Amino acid sequence: MWRIGEAVAQTSQRVLHARGDVLAKAVFTAELEIRPDNKPKRHAAIVGWPEQKDRQMLLAQQLAVAAELHERTPAR
């Protein structure tokens, strides 16, 4: 997973600091859907967001609570 993120970071001339993992269950609980897009490889987009900005924010906050943050440890 980290190698994929590092490749994307290098392509976009950015630094990879962390990644967030969200289980599919959390997405489905929020009544959203998962659509594989393979951009980058093995990536999927969360789709089905409502048009109302306040509802989008609420769902995004729910996903953030359910997500697991993995900070990158510096190479030694």
C-alpha atoms as a PDB file:
ATOM      1  CA  MET A   1       0.000   0.000   0.000  1.00  0.00           C
ATOM      2  CA  TRP A   2       2.757   2.418   0.914  1.00  0.00           C
ATOM      3  CA  ARG A   3       4.603   1.737  -2.360  1.00  0.00           C
ATOM      4  CA  ILE A   4       1.519   2.711  -4.365  1.00  0.00           C
ATOM      5  CA  GLY A   5       1.124   5.914  -2.365  1.00  0.00           C
ATOM      6  CA  GLU A   6       4.796   6.759  -2.769  1.00  0.00           C
ATOM      7  CA  ALA A   7       4.565   6.300  -6.551  1.00  0.00           C
ATOM      8  CA  VAL A   8       1.551   8.618  -6.709  1.00  0.00           C
ATOM      9  CA  ALA A   9       3.302  11.171  -4.501  1.00  0.00           C
ATOM     10  CA  GLN A  10       6.397  11.173  -6.715  1.00  0.00           C
ATOM     11  CA  THR A  11       4.314  11.578  -9.873  1.00  0.00           C
ATOM     12  CA  SER A  12       2.541  14.613  -8.423  1.00  0.00           C
ATOM     13  CA  GLN A  13       5.730  15.961  -6.772  1.00  0.00           C
ATOM     14  CA  ARG A  14       4.253  15.698  -3.295  1.00  0.00           C
ATOM     15  CA  VAL A  15       5.278  14.063  -0.017  1.00  0.00           C
ATOM     16  CA  LEU A  16       3.354  11.131   1.423  1.00  0.00           C
ATOM     17  CA  HIS A  17       2.774  11.722   5.150  1.00  0.00           C
ATOM     18  CA  ALA A  18      -0.064   9.326   5.940  1.00  0.00           C
ATOM     19  CA  ARG A  19      -2.928   7.294   4.571  1.00  0.00           C
ATOM     20  CA  GLY A  20      -6.492   6.805   5.709  1.00  0.00           C
ATOM     21  CA  ASP A  21      -8.271   3.458   5.517  1.00  0.00           C
ATOM     22  CA  VAL A  22     -12.058   3.276   5.498  1.00  0.00           C
ATOM     23  CA  LEU A  23     -13.855  -0.057   5.591  1.00  0.00           C
ATOM     24  CA  ALA A  24     -16.553  -0.670   3.001  1.00  0.00           C
ATOM     25  CA  LYS A  25     -19.022  -1.248   5.841  1.00  0.00           C
ATOM     26  CA  ALA A  26     -18.670   2.399   6.920  1.00  0.00           C
ATOM     27  CA  VAL A  27     -19.354   3.590   3.374  1.00  0.00           C
ATOM     28  CA  PHE A  28     -22.450   1.410   3.052  1.00  0.00           C
ATOM     29  CA  THR A  29     -23.673   2.451   6.515  1.00  0.00           C
ATOM     30  CA  ALA A  30     -23.519   6.060   5.290  1.00  0.00           C
ATOM     31  CA  GLU A  31     -25.703   4.939   2.361  1.00  0.00           C
ATOM     32  CA  LEU A  32     -22.941   5.694  -0.134  1.00  0.00           C
ATOM     33  CA  GLU A  33     -21.427   3.379  -2.738  1.00  0.00           C
ATOM     34  CA  ILE A  34     -17.950   2.249  -3.737  1.00  0.00           C
ATOM     35  CA  ARG A  35     -16.878   2.368  -7.363  1.00  0.00           C
ATOM     36  CA  PRO A  36     -13.450   0.960  -8.303  1.00  0.00           C
ATOM     37  CA  ASP A  37     -11.615   3.420 -10.543  1.00  0.00           C
ATOM     38  CA  ASN A  38      -8.025   2.093 -10.383  1.00  0.00           C
ATOM     39  CA  LYS A  39      -6.604   5.632 -10.381  1.00  0.00           C
ATOM     40  CA  PRO A  40      -4.165   4.781  -8.830  1.00  0.00           C
ATOM     41  CA  LYS A  41      -4.162   0.995  -9.011  1.00  0.00           C
ATOM     42  CA  ARG A  42      -6.502  -0.659  -6.460  1.00  0.00           C
ATOM     43  CA  HIS A  43      -8.154   2.694  -5.669  1.00  0.00           C
ATOM     44  CA  ALA A  44     -11.899   3.171  -5.422  1.00  0.00           C
ATOM     45  CA  ALA A  45     -14.060   6.272  -5.329  1.00  0.00           C
ATOM     46  CA  ILE A  46     -16.859   6.829  -2.846  1.00  0.00           C
ATOM     47  CA  VAL A  47     -19.912   7.881  -4.853  1.00  0.00           C
ATOM     48  CA  GLY A  48     -23.561   8.670  -4.320  1.00  0.00           C
ATOM     49  CA  TRP A  49     -23.024  11.856  -2.344  1.00  0.00           C
ATOM     50  CA  PRO A  50     -26.141  13.989  -1.823  1.00  0.00           C
ATOM     51  CA  GLU A  51     -26.318  17.432  -3.416  1.00  0.00           C
ATOM     52  CA  GLN A  52     -26.874  19.245  -0.098  1.00  0.00           C
ATOM     53  CA  LYS A  53     -23.536  20.510   1.263  1.00  0.00           C
ATOM     54  CA  ASP A  54     -24.572  20.113   4.901  1.00  0.00           C
ATOM     55  CA  ARG A  55     -25.520  16.466   4.278  1.00  0.00           C
ATOM     56  CA  GLN A  56     -22.203  15.884   2.465  1.00  0.00           C
ATOM     57  CA  MET A  57     -20.339  17.291   5.470  1.00  0.00           C
ATOM     58  CA  LEU A  58     -22.267  15.087   7.890  1.00  0.00           C
ATOM     59  CA  LEU A  59     -21.501  11.940   5.882  1.00  0.00           C
ATOM     60  CA  ALA A  60     -17.842  12.948   5.480  1.00  0.00           C
ATOM     61  CA  GLN A  61     -17.575  13.401   9.249  1.00  0.00           C
ATOM     62  CA  GLN A  62     -19.102   9.959   9.809  1.00  0.00           C
ATOM     63  CA  LEU A  63     -16.538   8.421   7.459  1.00  0.00           C
ATOM     64  CA  ALA A  64     -13.717  10.318   9.170  1.00  0.00           C
ATOM     65  CA  VAL A  65     -14.740   8.901  12.547  1.00  0.00           C
ATOM     66  CA  ALA A  66     -14.795   5.386  11.078  1.00  0.00           C
ATOM     67  CA  ALA A  67     -11.476   5.819   9.235  1.00  0.00           C
ATOM     68  CA  GLU A  68      -8.145   4.631  10.531  1.00  0.00           C
ATOM     69  CA  LEU A  69      -5.179   6.983  10.099  1.00  0.00           C
ATOM     70  CA  HIS A  70      -1.774   5.434   9.394  1.00  0.00           C
ATOM     71  CA  GLU A  71       1.041   7.946   9.697  1.00  0.00           C
ATOM     72  CA  ARG A  72       4.202   7.194   7.819  1.00  0.00           C
ATOM     73  CA  THR A  73       7.204   6.567  10.024  1.00  0.00           C
ATOM     74  CA  PRO A  74      10.406   8.210   8.811  1.00  0.00           C
ATOM     75  CA  ALA A  75      12.980   5.901   7.229  1.00  0.00           C
ATOM     76  CA  ARG A  76      15.867   5.175   9.556  1.00  0.00           C
END
